């Protein structure tokens, strides 16, 4: 058995015996919850961005269709 494997097994056993394993598990659960919230809210944010861009596009088209842009560059 290589020295690396023995060291890894020793570290694994120490984690199971100590409180560090509990701390690591708690941090992993917190990270998972935060990740879930970010993914869940991403769809809502994307929808709001899409609505904003569509609104700007409609206003731009209205201005161009009515000739309101003429004379802006003089």
PDB file of N, CA and C in Angstrom:
ATOM      1  N   UNK A   1       0.850  -1.175   0.000  1.00  0.00           N
ATOM      2  CA  UNK A   1       0.000   0.000   0.000  1.00  0.00           C
ATOM      3  C   UNK A   1       0.897   1.239   0.000  1.00  0.00           C
ATOM      4  N   UNK A   2       0.580   2.165  -0.872  1.00  0.00           N
ATOM      5  CA  UNK A   2       1.439   3.341  -0.982  1.00  0.00           C
ATOM      6  C   UNK A   2       1.237   4.268   0.221  1.00  0.00           C
ATOM      7  N   UNK A   3       2.188   5.116   0.399  1.00  0.00           N
ATOM      8  CA  UNK A   3       2.143   6.058   1.512  1.00  0.00           C
ATOM      9  C   UNK A   3       0.964   7.018   1.347  1.00  0.00           C
ATOM     10  N   UNK A   4       0.669   7.416   0.125  1.00  0.00           N
ATOM     11  CA  UNK A   4      -0.442   8.332  -0.160  1.00  0.00           C
ATOM     12  C   UNK A   4      -1.784   7.716   0.263  1.00  0.00           C
ATOM     13  N   UNK A   5      -1.995   6.442  -0.037  1.00  0.00           N
ATOM     14  CA  UNK A   5      -3.251   5.762   0.308  1.00  0.00           C
ATOM     15  C   UNK A   5      -3.385   5.659   1.823  1.00  0.00           C
ATOM     16  N   UNK A   6      -2.286   5.333   2.518  1.00  0.00           N
ATOM     17  CA  UNK A   6      -2.338   5.252   3.976  1.00  0.00           C
ATOM     18  C   UNK A   6      -2.659   6.603   4.595  1.00  0.00           C
ATOM     19  N   UNK A   7      -2.043   7.652   4.061  1.00  0.00           N
ATOM     20  CA  UNK A   7      -2.301   8.996   4.574  1.00  0.00           C
ATOM     21  C   UNK A   7      -3.768   9.369   4.357  1.00  0.00           C
ATOM     22  N   UNK A   8      -4.296   9.063   3.180  1.00  0.00           N
ATOM     23  CA  UNK A   8      -5.685   9.376   2.853  1.00  0.00           C
ATOM     24  C   UNK A   8      -6.642   8.622   3.774  1.00  0.00           C
ATOM     25  N   UNK A   9      -6.375   7.358   4.027  1.00  0.00           N
ATOM     26  CA  UNK A   9      -7.214   6.581   4.938  1.00  0.00           C
ATOM     27  C   UNK A   9      -7.161   7.148   6.350  1.00  0.00           C
ATOM     28  N   UNK A  10      -5.973   7.557   6.781  1.00  0.00           N
ATOM     29  CA  UNK A  10      -5.830   8.149   8.114  1.00  0.00           C
ATOM     30  C   UNK A  10      -6.614   9.450   8.235  1.00  0.00           C
ATOM     31  N   UNK A  11      -6.551  10.282   7.206  1.00  0.00           N
ATOM     32  CA  UNK A  11      -7.299  11.543   7.220  1.00  0.00           C
ATOM     33  C   UNK A  11      -8.800  11.286   7.225  1.00  0.00           C
ATOM     34  N   UNK A  12      -9.233  10.301   6.465  1.00  0.00           N
ATOM     35  CA  UNK A  12     -10.654   9.950   6.408  1.00  0.00           C
ATOM     36  C   UNK A  12     -11.139   9.472   7.779  1.00  0.00           C
ATOM     37  N   UNK A  13     -10.365   8.637   8.424  1.00  0.00           N
ATOM     38  CA  UNK A  13     -10.740   8.136   9.744  1.00  0.00           C
ATOM     39  C   UNK A  13     -10.767   9.270  10.761  1.00  0.00           C
ATOM     40  N   UNK A  14      -9.824  10.189  10.669  1.00  0.00           N
ATOM     41  CA  UNK A  14      -9.792  11.325  11.599  1.00  0.00           C
ATOM     42  C   UNK A  14     -11.011  12.211  11.400  1.00  0.00           C
ATOM     43  N   UNK A  15     -11.448  12.391  10.170  1.00  0.00           N
ATOM     44  CA  UNK A  15     -12.638  13.201   9.910  1.00  0.00           C
ATOM     45  C   UNK A  15     -13.877  12.579  10.539  1.00  0.00           C
ATOM     46  N   UNK A  16     -13.969  11.267  10.472  1.00  0.00           N
ATOM     47  CA  UNK A  16     -15.130  10.596  11.035  1.00  0.00           C
ATOM     48  C   UNK A  16     -15.156  10.688  12.558  1.00  0.00           C
ATOM     49  N   UNK A  17     -13.993  10.752  13.172  1.00  0.00           N
ATOM     50  CA  UNK A  17     -13.941  10.802  14.626  1.00  0.00           C
ATOM     51  C   UNK A  17     -14.129  12.209  15.160  1.00  0.00           C
ATOM     52  N   UNK A  18     -13.729  13.212  14.413  1.00  0.00           N
ATOM     53  CA  UNK A  18     -13.720  14.568  14.943  1.00  0.00           C
ATOM     54  C   UNK A  18     -14.953  15.371  14.567  1.00  0.00           C
ATOM     55  N   UNK A  19     -14.989  16.590  15.071  1.00  0.00           N
ATOM     56  CA  UNK A  19     -16.084  17.497  14.780  1.00  0.00           C
ATOM     57  C   UNK A  19     -15.905  18.184  13.426  1.00  0.00           C
ATOM     58  N   UNK A  20     -14.729  18.079  12.862  1.00  0.00           N
ATOM     59  CA  UNK A  20     -14.492  18.717  11.567  1.00  0.00           C
ATOM     60  C   UNK A  20     -15.417  18.158  10.498  1.00  0.00           C
ATOM     61  N   UNK A  21     -15.735  16.882  10.598  1.00  0.00           N
ATOM     62  CA  UNK A  21     -16.633  16.277   9.613  1.00  0.00           C
ATOM     63  C   UNK A  21     -18.012  16.918   9.691  1.00  0.00           C
ATOM     64  N   UNK A  22     -18.469  17.167  10.897  1.00  0.00           N
ATOM     65  CA  UNK A  22     -19.775  17.810  11.067  1.00  0.00           C
ATOM     66  C   UNK A  22     -19.734  19.222  10.501  1.00  0.00           C
ATOM     67  N   UNK A  23     -18.663  19.954  10.764  1.00  0.00           N
ATOM     68  CA  UNK A  23     -18.525  21.307  10.232  1.00  0.00           C
ATOM     69  C   UNK A  23     -18.506  21.298   8.708  1.00  0.00           C
ATOM     70  N   UNK A  24     -17.755  20.366   8.128  1.00  0.00           N
ATOM     71  CA  UNK A  24     -17.688  20.279   6.675  1.00  0.00           C
ATOM     72  C   UNK A  24     -19.043  19.949   6.080  1.00  0.00           C
ATOM     73  N   UNK A  25     -19.773  19.062   6.734  1.00  0.00           N
ATOM     74  CA  UNK A  25     -21.104  18.695   6.257  1.00  0.00           C
ATOM     75  C   UNK A  25     -22.043  19.898   6.328  1.00  0.00           C
ATOM     76  N   UNK A  26     -21.986  20.652   7.409  1.00  0.00           N
ATOM     77  CA  UNK A  26     -22.833  21.837   7.533  1.00  0.00           C
ATOM     78  C   UNK A  26     -22.506  22.856   6.448  1.00  0.00           C
ATOM     79  N   UNK A  27     -21.224  23.090   6.201  1.00  0.00           N
ATOM     80  CA  UNK A  27     -20.829  24.033   5.151  1.00  0.00           C
ATOM     81  C   UNK A  27     -21.278  23.543   3.776  1.00  0.00           C
ATOM     82  N   UNK A  28     -21.194  22.249   3.547  1.00  0.00           N
ATOM     83  CA  UNK A  28     -21.629  21.691   2.262  1.00  0.00           C
ATOM     84  C   UNK A  28     -23.133  21.870   2.079  1.00  0.00           C
ATOM     85  N   UNK A  29     -23.901  21.669   3.149  1.00  0.00           N
ATOM     86  CA  UNK A  29     -25.350  21.857   3.062  1.00  0.00           C
ATOM     87  C   UNK A  29     -25.707  23.318   2.822  1.00  0.00           C
ATOM     88  N   UNK A  30     -25.009  24.232   3.480  1.00  0.00           N
ATOM     89  CA  UNK A  30     -25.247  25.659   3.260  1.00  0.00           C
ATOM     90  C   UNK A  30     -24.916  26.035   1.820  1.00  0.00           C
ATOM     91  N   UNK A  31     -23.796  25.539   1.314  1.00  0.00           N
ATOM     92  CA  UNK A  31     -23.420  25.825  -0.073  1.00  0.00           C
ATOM     93  C   UNK A  31     -24.450  25.263  -1.046  1.00  0.00           C
ATOM     94  N   UNK A  32     -24.976  24.091  -0.755  1.00  0.00           N
ATOM     95  CA  UNK A  32     -26.000  23.485  -1.619  1.00  0.00           C
ATOM     96  C   UNK A  32     -27.274  24.315  -1.604  1.00  0.00           C
ATOM     97  N   UNK A  33     -27.675  24.804  -0.438  1.00  0.00           N
ATOM     98  CA  UNK A  33     -28.891  25.627  -0.357  1.00  0.00           C
ATOM     99  C   UNK A  33     -28.719  26.937  -1.113  1.00  0.00           C
ATOM    100  N   UNK A  34     -27.572  27.580  -0.951  1.00  0.00           N
ATOM    101  CA  UNK A  34     -27.319  28.832  -1.660  1.00  0.00           C
ATOM    102  C   UNK A  34     -27.312  28.588  -3.164  1.00  0.00           C
ATOM    103  N   UNK A  35     -26.678  27.514  -3.592  1.00  0.00           N
ATOM    104  CA  UNK A  35     -26.653  27.185  -5.021  1.00  0.00           C
ATOM    105  C   UNK A  35     -28.061  26.947  -5.546  1.00  0.00           C
ATOM    106  N   UNK A  36     -28.876  26.239  -4.781  1.00  0.00           N
ATOM    107  CA  UNK A  36     -30.251  25.976  -5.193  1.00  0.00           C
ATOM    108  C   UNK A  36     -31.032  27.282  -5.328  1.00  0.00           C
ATOM    109  N   UNK A  37     -30.864  28.200  -4.393  1.00  0.00           N
ATOM    110  CA  UNK A  37     -31.579  29.480  -4.457  1.00  0.00           C
ATOM    111  C   UNK A  37     -31.144  30.297  -5.668  1.00  0.00           C
ATOM    112  N   UNK A  38     -29.858  30.277  -5.964  1.00  0.00           N
ATOM    113  CA  UNK A  38     -29.364  31.013  -7.132  1.00  0.00           C
ATOM    114  C   UNK A  38     -29.950  30.443  -8.413  1.00  0.00           C
ATOM    115  N   UNK A  39     -29.954  29.134  -8.538  1.00  0.00           N
ATOM    116  CA  UNK A  39     -30.500  28.496  -9.741  1.00  0.00           C
ATOM    117  C   UNK A  39     -32.003  28.747  -9.838  1.00  0.00           C
ATOM    118  N   UNK A  40     -32.712  28.671  -8.713  1.00  0.00           N
ATOM    119  CA  UNK A  40     -34.160  28.873  -8.725  1.00  0.00           C
ATOM    120  C   UNK A  40     -34.531  30.299  -9.101  1.00  0.00           C
ATOM    121  N   UNK A  41     -33.742  31.269  -8.696  1.00  0.00           N
ATOM    122  CA  UNK A  41     -34.067  32.664  -8.993  1.00  0.00           C
ATOM    123  C   UNK A  41     -33.547  33.107 -10.361  1.00  0.00           C
ATOM    124  N   UNK A  42     -32.676  32.349 -10.970  1.00  0.00           N
ATOM    125  CA  UNK A  42     -32.098  32.750 -12.257  1.00  0.00           C
ATOM    126  C   UNK A  42     -33.167  32.855 -13.338  1.00  0.00           C
ATOM    127  N   UNK A  43     -34.147  31.965 -13.336  1.00  0.00           N
ATOM    128  CA  UNK A  43     -35.214  32.013 -14.332  1.00  0.00           C
ATOM    129  C   UNK A  43     -36.032  33.286 -14.215  1.00  0.00           C
ATOM    130  N   UNK A  44     -36.331  33.699 -13.004  1.00  0.00           N
ATOM    131  CA  UNK A  44     -37.102  34.920 -12.773  1.00  0.00           C
ATOM    132  C   UNK A  44     -36.325  36.155 -13.225  1.00  0.00           C
ATOM    133  N   UNK A  45     -35.062  36.190 -12.908  1.00  0.00           N
ATOM    134  CA  UNK A  45     -34.229  37.326 -13.313  1.00  0.00           C
ATOM    135  C   UNK A  45     -34.121  37.391 -14.831  1.00  0.00           C
ATOM    136  N   UNK A  46     -33.933  36.253 -15.461  1.00  0.00           N
ATOM    137  CA  UNK A  46     -33.836  36.219 -16.928  1.00  0.00           C
ATOM    138  C   UNK A  46     -35.126  36.714 -17.565  1.00  0.00           C
ATOM    139  N   UNK A  47     -36.268  36.362 -16.986  1.00  0.00           N
ATOM    140  CA  UNK A  47     -37.550  36.817 -17.521  1.00  0.00           C
ATOM    141  C   UNK A  47     -37.678  38.331 -17.413  1.00  0.00           C
ATOM    142  N   UNK A  48     -37.263  38.905 -16.309  1.00  0.00           N
ATOM    143  CA  UNK A  48     -37.327  40.357 -16.143  1.00  0.00           C
ATOM    144  C   UNK A  48     -36.402  41.074 -17.130  1.00  0.00           C
ATOM    145  N   UNK A  49     -35.229  40.515 -17.360  1.00  0.00           N
ATOM    146  CA  UNK A  49     -34.303  41.103 -18.336  1.00  0.00           C
ATOM    147  C   UNK A  49     -34.901  41.035 -19.730  1.00  0.00           C
ATOM    148  N   UNK A  50     -35.510  39.913 -20.058  1.00  0.00           N
ATOM    149  CA  UNK A  50     -36.138  39.761 -21.378  1.00  0.00           C
ATOM    150  C   UNK A  50     -37.261  40.783 -21.569  1.00  0.00           C
ATOM    151  N   UNK A  51     -38.081  40.978 -20.544  1.00  0.00           N
ATOM    152  CA  UNK A  51     -39.166  41.961 -20.630  1.00  0.00           C
ATOM    153  C   UNK A  51     -38.607  43.366 -20.842  1.00  0.00           C
ATOM    154  N   UNK A  52     -37.548  43.702 -20.132  1.00  0.00           N
ATOM    155  CA  UNK A  52     -36.941  45.030 -20.277  1.00  0.00           C
ATOM    156  C   UNK A  52     -36.386  45.254 -21.671  1.00  0.00           C
ATOM    157  N   UNK A  53     -35.695  44.276 -22.212  1.00  0.00           N
ATOM    158  CA  UNK A  53     -35.124  44.410 -23.551  1.00  0.00           C
ATOM    159  C   UNK A  53     -36.229  44.499 -24.593  1.00  0.00           C
ATOM    160  N   UNK A  54     -37.285  43.708 -24.435  1.00  0.00           N
ATOM    161  CA  UNK A  54     -38.421  43.763 -25.363  1.00  0.00           C
ATOM    162  C   UNK A  54     -39.070  45.131 -25.321  1.00  0.00           C
ATOM    163  N   UNK A  55     -39.236  45.694 -24.137  1.00  0.00           N
ATOM    164  CA  UNK A  55     -39.838  47.016 -23.984  1.00  0.00           C
ATOM    165  C   UNK A  55     -39.004  48.089 -24.686  1.00  0.00           C
ATOM    166  N   UNK A  56     -37.698  48.035 -24.510  1.00  0.00           N
ATOM    167  CA  UNK A  56     -36.811  49.000 -25.175  1.00  0.00           C
ATOM    168  C   UNK A  56     -36.906  48.836 -26.689  1.00  0.00           C
ATOM    169  N   UNK A  57     -36.958  47.600 -27.163  1.00  0.00           N
ATOM    170  CA  UNK A  57     -37.073  47.342 -28.597  1.00  0.00           C
ATOM    171  C   UNK A  57     -38.367  47.896 -29.176  1.00  0.00           C
ATOM    172  N   UNK A  58     -39.470  47.730 -28.453  1.00  0.00           N
ATOM    173  CA  UNK A  58     -40.762  48.246 -28.911  1.00  0.00           C
ATOM    174  C   UNK A  58     -40.742  49.776 -28.982  1.00  0.00           C
ATOM    175  N   UNK A  59     -40.167  50.419 -27.966  1.00  0.00           N
ATOM    176  CA  UNK A  59     -40.091  51.883 -27.967  1.00  0.00           C
ATOM    177  C   UNK A  59     -39.211  52.377 -29.109  1.00  0.00           C
ATOM    178  N   UNK A  60     -38.123  51.708 -29.346  1.00  0.00           N
ATOM    179  CA  UNK A  60     -37.234  52.089 -30.443  1.00  0.00           C
ATOM    180  C   UNK A  60     -37.953  51.964 -31.779  1.00  0.00           C
ATOM    181  N   UNK A  61     -38.671  50.852 -31.969  1.00  0.00           N
ATOM    182  CA  UNK A  61     -39.412  50.643 -33.211  1.00  0.00           C
ATOM    183  C   UNK A  61     -40.478  51.720 -33.390  1.00  0.00           C
ATOM    184  N   UNK A  62     -41.173  52.087 -32.318  1.00  0.00           N
ATOM    185  CA  UNK A  62     -42.184  53.146 -32.393  1.00  0.00           C
ATOM    186  C   UNK A  62     -41.555  54.459 -32.842  1.00  0.00           C
ATOM    187  N   UNK A  63     -40.418  54.818 -32.287  1.00  0.00           N
ATOM    188  CA  UNK A  63     -39.736  56.061 -32.653  1.00  0.00           C
ATOM    189  C   UNK A  63     -39.312  56.026 -34.115  1.00  0.00           C
ATOM    190  N   UNK A  64     -38.780  54.915 -34.563  1.00  0.00           N
ATOM    191  CA  UNK A  64     -38.324  54.807 -35.956  1.00  0.00           C
ATOM    192  C   UNK A  64     -39.516  54.839 -36.903  1.00  0.00           C
ATOM    193  N   UNK A  65     -40.585  54.122 -36.560  1.00  0.00           N
ATOM    194  CA  UNK A  65     -41.767  54.071 -37.420  1.00  0.00           C
ATOM    195  C   UNK A  65     -42.423  55.438 -37.588  1.00  0.00           C
ATOM    196  N   UNK A  66     -42.380  56.257 -36.552  1.00  0.00           N
ATOM    197  CA  UNK A  66     -43.013  57.568 -36.607  1.00  0.00           C
ATOM    198  C   UNK A  66     -42.043  58.675 -37.026  1.00  0.00           C
ATOM    199  N   UNK A  67     -40.856  58.322 -37.352  1.00  0.00           N
ATOM    200  CA  UNK A  67     -39.873  59.312 -37.808  1.00  0.00           C
ATOM    201  C   UNK A  67     -39.372  60.221 -36.704  1.00  0.00           C
ATOM    202  N   UNK A  68     -39.521  59.804 -35.460  1.00  0.00           N
ATOM    203  CA  UNK A  68     -39.121  60.668 -34.331  1.00  0.00           C
ATOM    204  C   UNK A  68     -37.600  60.749 -34.206  1.00  0.00           C
ATOM    205  N   UNK A  69     -36.888  59.913 -34.912  1.00  0.00           N
ATOM    206  CA  UNK A  69     -35.431  59.916 -34.794  1.00  0.00           C
ATOM    207  C   UNK A  69     -34.798  60.954 -35.710  1.00  0.00           C
ATOM    208  N   UNK A  70     -35.533  61.474 -36.653  1.00  0.00           N
ATOM    209  CA  UNK A  70     -34.967  62.431 -37.604  1.00  0.00           C
ATOM    210  C   UNK A  70     -34.608  63.732 -36.885  1.00  0.00           C
ATOM    211  N   UNK A  71     -33.472  64.233 -37.178  1.00  0.00           N
ATOM    212  CA  UNK A  71     -33.022  65.482 -36.597  1.00  0.00           C
ATOM    213  C   UNK A  71     -32.243  65.325 -35.296  1.00  0.00           C
ATOM    214  N   UNK A  72     -32.128  64.132 -34.767  1.00  0.00           N
ATOM    215  CA  UNK A  72     -31.386  63.939 -33.525  1.00  0.00           C
ATOM    216  C   UNK A  72     -29.894  64.143 -33.721  1.00  0.00           C
ATOM    217  N   UNK A  73     -29.422  63.944 -34.927  1.00  0.00           N
ATOM    218  CA  UNK A  73     -27.982  63.959 -35.183  1.00  0.00           C
ATOM    219  C   UNK A  73     -27.502  65.287 -35.720  1.00  0.00           C
ATOM    220  N   UNK A  74     -28.330  66.314 -35.781  1.00  0.00           N
ATOM    221  CA  UNK A  74     -27.916  67.623 -36.302  1.00  0.00           C
ATOM    222  C   UNK A  74     -27.152  68.397 -35.263  1.00  0.00           C
TER     223      UNK A  74
END
